[in-house]
N, C-alpha and C. Protein backbone atom coordinates (compact mmCIF):
# COMPACT_ATOMS: atom_id res chain seq x y z
N GLN A 1 -15.83 23.00 33.68
CA GLN A 1 -14.60 23.33 32.97
C GLN A 1 -14.90 23.40 31.47
N VAL A 2 -14.57 24.53 30.87
CA VAL A 2 -14.78 24.71 29.44
C VAL A 2 -13.53 24.26 28.70
N GLN A 3 -13.71 23.44 27.70
CA GLN A 3 -12.59 22.98 26.87
C GLN A 3 -12.90 23.21 25.41
N LEU A 4 -11.88 23.60 24.68
CA LEU A 4 -12.02 23.89 23.26
C LEU A 4 -11.05 23.02 22.46
N GLU A 5 -11.50 22.50 21.34
CA GLU A 5 -10.63 21.70 20.49
C GLU A 5 -10.83 22.11 19.04
N GLU A 6 -9.76 22.60 18.42
CA GLU A 6 -9.82 23.01 17.03
C GLU A 6 -9.48 21.85 16.11
N SER A 7 -10.03 21.90 14.92
CA SER A 7 -9.70 20.92 13.89
C SER A 7 -9.88 21.56 12.52
N GLY A 8 -9.33 20.92 11.49
CA GLY A 8 -9.58 21.36 10.13
C GLY A 8 -8.44 22.11 9.46
N GLY A 9 -7.35 22.35 10.19
CA GLY A 9 -6.23 23.02 9.55
C GLY A 9 -5.54 22.13 8.54
N GLY A 10 -4.58 22.72 7.83
CA GLY A 10 -3.84 21.94 6.86
C GLY A 10 -3.10 22.82 5.89
N LEU A 11 -2.65 22.19 4.81
CA LEU A 11 -1.90 22.86 3.76
C LEU A 11 -2.81 23.08 2.56
N VAL A 12 -2.82 24.30 2.04
CA VAL A 12 -3.68 24.62 0.91
C VAL A 12 -2.94 25.59 0.00
N GLN A 13 -3.26 25.53 -1.27
CA GLN A 13 -2.65 26.45 -2.23
C GLN A 13 -3.34 27.81 -2.19
N PRO A 14 -2.65 28.86 -2.60
CA PRO A 14 -3.32 30.17 -2.68
C PRO A 14 -4.59 30.09 -3.51
N GLY A 15 -5.63 30.74 -3.02
CA GLY A 15 -6.93 30.69 -3.67
C GLY A 15 -7.81 29.56 -3.18
N GLY A 16 -7.26 28.67 -2.40
CA GLY A 16 -8.02 27.52 -1.90
C GLY A 16 -8.87 27.86 -0.69
N SER A 17 -9.54 26.82 -0.17
CA SER A 17 -10.46 26.99 0.95
C SER A 17 -10.19 25.96 2.03
N LEU A 18 -10.51 26.32 3.24
CA LEU A 18 -10.47 25.40 4.38
C LEU A 18 -11.60 25.74 5.32
N ARG A 19 -12.04 24.75 6.08
CA ARG A 19 -13.02 25.01 7.13
C ARG A 19 -12.44 24.55 8.45
N LEU A 20 -12.38 25.47 9.38
CA LEU A 20 -11.94 25.16 10.74
C LEU A 20 -13.15 24.97 11.63
N SER A 21 -13.00 24.08 12.59
CA SER A 21 -14.08 23.82 13.52
C SER A 21 -13.54 23.86 14.95
N CYS A 22 -14.30 24.46 15.85
CA CYS A 22 -13.95 24.51 17.27
C CYS A 22 -15.06 23.81 18.03
N THR A 23 -14.74 22.67 18.60
CA THR A 23 -15.71 21.91 19.39
C THR A 23 -15.59 22.33 20.84
N VAL A 24 -16.71 22.73 21.42
CA VAL A 24 -16.74 23.24 22.78
C VAL A 24 -17.40 22.23 23.71
N SER A 25 -16.78 21.99 24.84
CA SER A 25 -17.39 21.15 25.87
C SER A 25 -17.42 21.94 27.17
N GLY A 26 -18.44 21.69 27.97
CA GLY A 26 -18.57 22.35 29.26
C GLY A 26 -19.43 23.60 29.25
N ARG A 27 -19.87 24.00 28.09
CA ARG A 27 -20.71 25.20 27.98
C ARG A 27 -21.34 25.23 26.60
N PHE A 28 -22.58 25.72 26.53
CA PHE A 28 -23.26 25.86 25.24
C PHE A 28 -22.72 27.07 24.49
N VAL A 29 -22.37 26.87 23.23
CA VAL A 29 -21.84 27.98 22.44
C VAL A 29 -22.88 29.08 22.27
N THR A 30 -24.14 28.70 22.34
CA THR A 30 -25.22 29.68 22.16
C THR A 30 -25.11 30.82 23.18
N PHE A 31 -24.59 30.50 24.35
CA PHE A 31 -24.54 31.48 25.43
C PHE A 31 -23.12 31.99 25.70
N THR A 32 -22.28 31.86 24.68
CA THR A 32 -20.86 32.17 24.86
C THR A 32 -20.39 33.09 23.75
N ASN A 33 -19.52 34.03 24.07
CA ASN A 33 -18.88 34.86 23.05
C ASN A 33 -17.72 34.06 22.46
N MET A 34 -17.78 33.80 21.17
CA MET A 34 -16.79 32.95 20.53
C MET A 34 -15.97 33.76 19.53
N ALA A 35 -14.73 33.35 19.33
CA ALA A 35 -13.87 34.07 18.39
C ALA A 35 -12.78 33.15 17.86
N TRP A 36 -12.29 33.51 16.70
CA TRP A 36 -11.10 32.89 16.12
C TRP A 36 -10.00 33.94 16.06
N TYR A 37 -8.83 33.56 16.55
CA TYR A 37 -7.64 34.38 16.47
C TYR A 37 -6.61 33.62 15.62
N ARG A 38 -5.56 34.34 15.22
CA ARG A 38 -4.45 33.66 14.56
C ARG A 38 -3.15 34.32 14.98
N GLN A 39 -2.10 33.50 14.91
CA GLN A 39 -0.77 34.01 15.25
C GLN A 39 0.23 33.43 14.28
N ALA A 40 0.85 34.31 13.54
CA ALA A 40 1.90 33.91 12.60
C ALA A 40 3.25 34.04 13.28
N PRO A 41 4.26 33.32 12.81
CA PRO A 41 5.59 33.39 13.43
C PRO A 41 6.11 34.83 13.47
N GLY A 42 6.54 35.25 14.65
CA GLY A 42 7.11 36.59 14.80
C GLY A 42 6.11 37.71 14.85
N LYS A 43 4.81 37.36 14.85
CA LYS A 43 3.78 38.40 14.87
C LYS A 43 2.89 38.24 16.09
N GLN A 44 2.19 39.32 16.41
CA GLN A 44 1.26 39.27 17.53
C GLN A 44 0.00 38.52 17.15
N ARG A 45 -0.62 37.98 18.15
CA ARG A 45 -1.90 37.31 17.94
C ARG A 45 -2.92 38.36 17.52
N GLU A 46 -3.74 38.03 16.53
CA GLU A 46 -4.73 38.99 16.05
C GLU A 46 -6.10 38.33 15.95
N LEU A 47 -7.13 39.13 16.16
CA LEU A 47 -8.49 38.67 16.04
C LEU A 47 -8.84 38.52 14.57
N VAL A 48 -9.40 37.38 14.21
CA VAL A 48 -9.82 37.12 12.84
C VAL A 48 -11.32 37.34 12.69
N ALA A 49 -12.10 36.73 13.56
CA ALA A 49 -13.55 36.84 13.49
C ALA A 49 -14.14 36.53 14.86
N SER A 50 -15.27 37.15 15.16
CA SER A 50 -15.92 36.91 16.45
C SER A 50 -17.42 36.90 16.28
N MET A 51 -18.06 36.17 17.19
CA MET A 51 -19.51 36.11 17.23
C MET A 51 -19.93 36.12 18.69
N THR A 52 -20.72 37.12 19.07
CA THR A 52 -21.14 37.20 20.46
C THR A 52 -22.34 36.29 20.70
N SER A 53 -22.68 36.12 21.97
CA SER A 53 -23.86 35.32 22.32
C SER A 53 -25.12 35.97 21.79
N GLY A 54 -25.05 37.27 21.48
CA GLY A 54 -26.18 37.97 20.87
C GLY A 54 -26.13 38.00 19.36
N ASP A 55 -25.26 37.16 18.77
CA ASP A 55 -25.14 37.01 17.31
C ASP A 55 -24.54 38.21 16.60
N ARG A 56 -23.82 39.04 17.33
CA ARG A 56 -23.11 40.15 16.68
C ARG A 56 -21.80 39.59 16.12
N ILE A 57 -21.55 39.83 14.84
CA ILE A 57 -20.39 39.27 14.17
C ILE A 57 -19.43 40.39 13.75
N ASN A 58 -18.15 40.10 13.87
CA ASN A 58 -17.13 41.07 13.51
C ASN A 58 -15.98 40.34 12.81
N TYR A 59 -15.42 40.98 11.80
CA TYR A 59 -14.30 40.40 11.07
C TYR A 59 -13.14 41.39 11.01
N ALA A 60 -11.93 40.87 10.99
CA ALA A 60 -10.77 41.70 10.69
C ALA A 60 -10.89 42.18 9.24
N ASP A 61 -10.42 43.38 8.99
CA ASP A 61 -10.52 43.94 7.64
C ASP A 61 -9.84 43.03 6.61
N SER A 62 -8.77 42.38 7.02
CA SER A 62 -7.99 41.57 6.09
C SER A 62 -8.72 40.31 5.62
N VAL A 63 -9.79 39.92 6.31
CA VAL A 63 -10.49 38.69 5.93
C VAL A 63 -11.93 38.93 5.50
N LYS A 64 -12.39 40.16 5.58
CA LYS A 64 -13.77 40.47 5.19
C LYS A 64 -14.02 40.06 3.76
N GLY A 65 -15.16 39.39 3.55
CA GLY A 65 -15.51 38.92 2.22
C GLY A 65 -14.90 37.58 1.85
N ARG A 66 -13.97 37.09 2.67
CA ARG A 66 -13.34 35.80 2.39
C ARG A 66 -13.63 34.76 3.47
N PHE A 67 -13.73 35.20 4.71
CA PHE A 67 -13.96 34.29 5.83
C PHE A 67 -15.37 34.47 6.36
N THR A 68 -15.94 33.37 6.84
CA THR A 68 -17.28 33.41 7.45
C THR A 68 -17.25 32.61 8.74
N ILE A 69 -17.70 33.24 9.82
CA ILE A 69 -17.83 32.54 11.10
C ILE A 69 -19.28 32.16 11.29
N PHE A 70 -19.51 30.94 11.74
CA PHE A 70 -20.88 30.54 12.01
C PHE A 70 -20.90 29.49 13.11
N ARG A 71 -22.04 29.40 13.75
CA ARG A 71 -22.20 28.54 14.92
C ARG A 71 -23.15 27.40 14.59
N ASP A 72 -22.83 26.23 15.06
CA ASP A 72 -23.71 25.06 14.92
C ASP A 72 -24.15 24.66 16.32
N ASP A 73 -25.35 25.07 16.69
CA ASP A 73 -25.82 24.82 18.04
C ASP A 73 -26.03 23.32 18.30
N ALA A 74 -26.42 22.58 17.29
CA ALA A 74 -26.67 21.15 17.46
C ALA A 74 -25.38 20.40 17.79
N LEU A 75 -24.27 20.79 17.15
CA LEU A 75 -22.99 20.13 17.40
C LEU A 75 -22.16 20.86 18.45
N ASN A 76 -22.65 22.01 18.89
CA ASN A 76 -21.93 22.84 19.85
C ASN A 76 -20.53 23.20 19.35
N THR A 77 -20.50 23.67 18.10
CA THR A 77 -19.24 24.08 17.49
C THR A 77 -19.35 25.50 16.95
N VAL A 78 -18.20 26.12 16.79
CA VAL A 78 -18.10 27.38 16.06
C VAL A 78 -17.09 27.16 14.95
N ASN A 79 -17.48 27.52 13.74
CA ASN A 79 -16.69 27.17 12.58
C ASN A 79 -16.24 28.42 11.83
N LEU A 80 -15.18 28.25 11.09
CA LEU A 80 -14.65 29.35 10.29
C LEU A 80 -14.41 28.84 8.88
N HIS A 81 -15.23 29.30 7.96
CA HIS A 81 -15.03 28.99 6.55
C HIS A 81 -14.08 30.02 5.98
N MET A 82 -13.01 29.53 5.36
CA MET A 82 -12.00 30.43 4.81
C MET A 82 -11.89 30.17 3.31
N ASN A 83 -12.20 31.18 2.53
CA ASN A 83 -12.11 31.08 1.07
C ASN A 83 -11.03 32.01 0.54
N ASN A 84 -10.58 31.72 -0.67
CA ASN A 84 -9.58 32.55 -1.33
C ASN A 84 -8.39 32.82 -0.40
N LEU A 85 -7.87 31.76 0.16
CA LEU A 85 -6.76 31.89 1.11
C LEU A 85 -5.52 32.44 0.43
N GLN A 86 -4.80 33.28 1.15
CA GLN A 86 -3.60 33.92 0.65
C GLN A 86 -2.40 33.52 1.51
N LEU A 87 -1.20 33.77 0.98
CA LEU A 87 0.01 33.41 1.71
C LEU A 87 0.02 34.01 3.11
N GLU A 88 -0.49 35.23 3.22
CA GLU A 88 -0.44 35.94 4.51
C GLU A 88 -1.45 35.39 5.52
N ASP A 89 -2.28 34.46 5.10
CA ASP A 89 -3.21 33.82 6.03
C ASP A 89 -2.54 32.68 6.80
N THR A 90 -1.33 32.34 6.44
CA THR A 90 -0.60 31.28 7.13
C THR A 90 -0.38 31.64 8.59
N ALA A 91 -0.83 30.79 9.48
CA ALA A 91 -0.73 31.06 10.91
C ALA A 91 -1.29 29.86 11.68
N VAL A 92 -1.08 29.89 12.99
CA VAL A 92 -1.82 29.00 13.88
C VAL A 92 -3.13 29.70 14.23
N TYR A 93 -4.22 29.00 14.02
CA TYR A 93 -5.55 29.56 14.30
C TYR A 93 -6.05 28.99 15.62
N LEU A 94 -6.47 29.90 16.50
CA LEU A 94 -6.89 29.51 17.85
C LEU A 94 -8.33 29.92 18.10
N CYS A 95 -9.04 29.03 18.75
CA CYS A 95 -10.42 29.29 19.14
C CYS A 95 -10.44 29.87 20.55
N ASN A 96 -11.32 30.85 20.75
CA ASN A 96 -11.44 31.51 22.05
C ASN A 96 -12.90 31.54 22.47
N ALA A 97 -13.14 31.28 23.73
CA ALA A 97 -14.49 31.36 24.29
C ALA A 97 -14.48 32.32 25.46
N GLY A 98 -15.38 33.29 25.43
CA GLY A 98 -15.48 34.24 26.52
C GLY A 98 -16.84 34.14 27.18
N ILE A 99 -16.85 34.04 28.49
CA ILE A 99 -18.10 33.96 29.24
C ILE A 99 -18.64 35.37 29.41
N PRO A 100 -19.86 35.64 28.96
CA PRO A 100 -20.42 36.99 29.14
C PRO A 100 -20.37 37.42 30.60
N GLY A 101 -20.09 38.68 30.79
CA GLY A 101 -19.98 39.19 32.16
C GLY A 101 -18.58 39.10 32.70
N GLY A 102 -17.63 38.70 31.85
CA GLY A 102 -16.24 38.63 32.27
C GLY A 102 -15.94 37.51 33.23
N GLU A 103 -16.67 36.43 33.14
CA GLU A 103 -16.49 35.34 34.09
C GLU A 103 -15.48 34.31 33.64
N GLY A 104 -14.70 34.63 32.62
CA GLY A 104 -13.64 33.71 32.23
C GLY A 104 -13.46 33.69 30.73
N THR A 105 -12.26 33.33 30.31
CA THR A 105 -11.96 33.19 28.90
C THR A 105 -11.11 31.94 28.72
N TYR A 106 -11.34 31.24 27.63
CA TYR A 106 -10.68 29.96 27.41
C TYR A 106 -10.13 29.91 26.00
N TRP A 107 -9.04 29.14 25.86
CA TRP A 107 -8.37 28.99 24.58
C TRP A 107 -8.20 27.52 24.21
N GLY A 108 -8.26 27.25 22.92
CA GLY A 108 -7.87 25.95 22.42
C GLY A 108 -6.38 25.91 22.18
N GLN A 109 -5.90 24.75 21.73
CA GLN A 109 -4.47 24.57 21.48
C GLN A 109 -4.04 25.14 20.14
N GLY A 110 -4.98 25.30 19.23
CA GLY A 110 -4.67 25.87 17.92
C GLY A 110 -4.53 24.81 16.84
N THR A 111 -4.73 25.24 15.61
CA THR A 111 -4.56 24.37 14.45
C THR A 111 -3.81 25.15 13.38
N GLN A 112 -2.85 24.49 12.75
CA GLN A 112 -1.99 25.15 11.78
C GLN A 112 -2.67 25.24 10.42
N VAL A 113 -2.63 26.45 9.85
CA VAL A 113 -3.07 26.67 8.48
C VAL A 113 -1.86 27.19 7.70
N THR A 114 -1.52 26.48 6.65
CA THR A 114 -0.39 26.88 5.82
C THR A 114 -0.86 27.06 4.39
N VAL A 115 -0.63 28.25 3.86
CA VAL A 115 -0.99 28.55 2.47
C VAL A 115 0.31 28.65 1.69
N SER A 116 0.48 27.75 0.75
CA SER A 116 1.74 27.70 0.01
C SER A 116 1.51 27.09 -1.36
N SER A 117 2.26 27.59 -2.33
CA SER A 117 2.18 27.02 -3.67
C SER A 117 3.28 25.96 -3.85
């Protein structure tokens, strides 16, 4: 059973930074397609950043140059460094794990990120 647990959300002022972490149990992140999504109130869930098991990385246009996704194989985590946060980045951020070959997808509970002055 794959389980995901996000941490690191909080309240930050515009221009500030946060680091989110997704701790994975039940599977090595090295062999898993990982992604961060976010969902703001009244909006659809959107992909923020992804990293495949083959190290292919993709970012939403709205976060390019500000967010960085990276994997820590030793801790079995996938992290999201978020810099220069803006009001529109406010959302619940969710970690997603996809098993290559379509053998399953898993979600964490999410962590709240609020950008406010």
